[in-house]
Amino acid sequence: MLFLGGKENTTLKEISETLGRETIDLYNTSDTRGQSRSYGINFQKVGKELMSRDELAVMDGDKCILQLRLVTDTQSGMTSLAHNVQMP
C-alpha cells in the first residue's frame, strides 16, 4: 500500500488503524501552593495511535507511507519482503 496523502475520512481512518498503536510513558507533575504546599508525580502507560486521522490529513506533501507485504517461506519459516516488489 502506498499512501501519498488525502482528506477522505474513510481512507484516513483505515490508514490510521492499519498503522496501529504504540505505548508511551506519560509523566505529570503537580505543585499546589496554599496554606500547605503539596507536590505530586503521576506516571501512566498510555496507548497512542502512531498517526491519527488529523496527523495524516496534514502530512507534508514530500512524505508518504509505504506498507510492504511480507512473505513467509513455508520451508524455512523465515519472513522476507515479497520478491515482486519493484521500486523505480
Foldseek 3Di string as FASTA:
>chain_A
DKFQADQDPVVLVVVQVVQPKDKDKDKDKDWDDDPDIDIDIDIDIDIDGPAHSVRRRPPDNVDMDDDFDWDADPVVRDIDTDPPDDDD
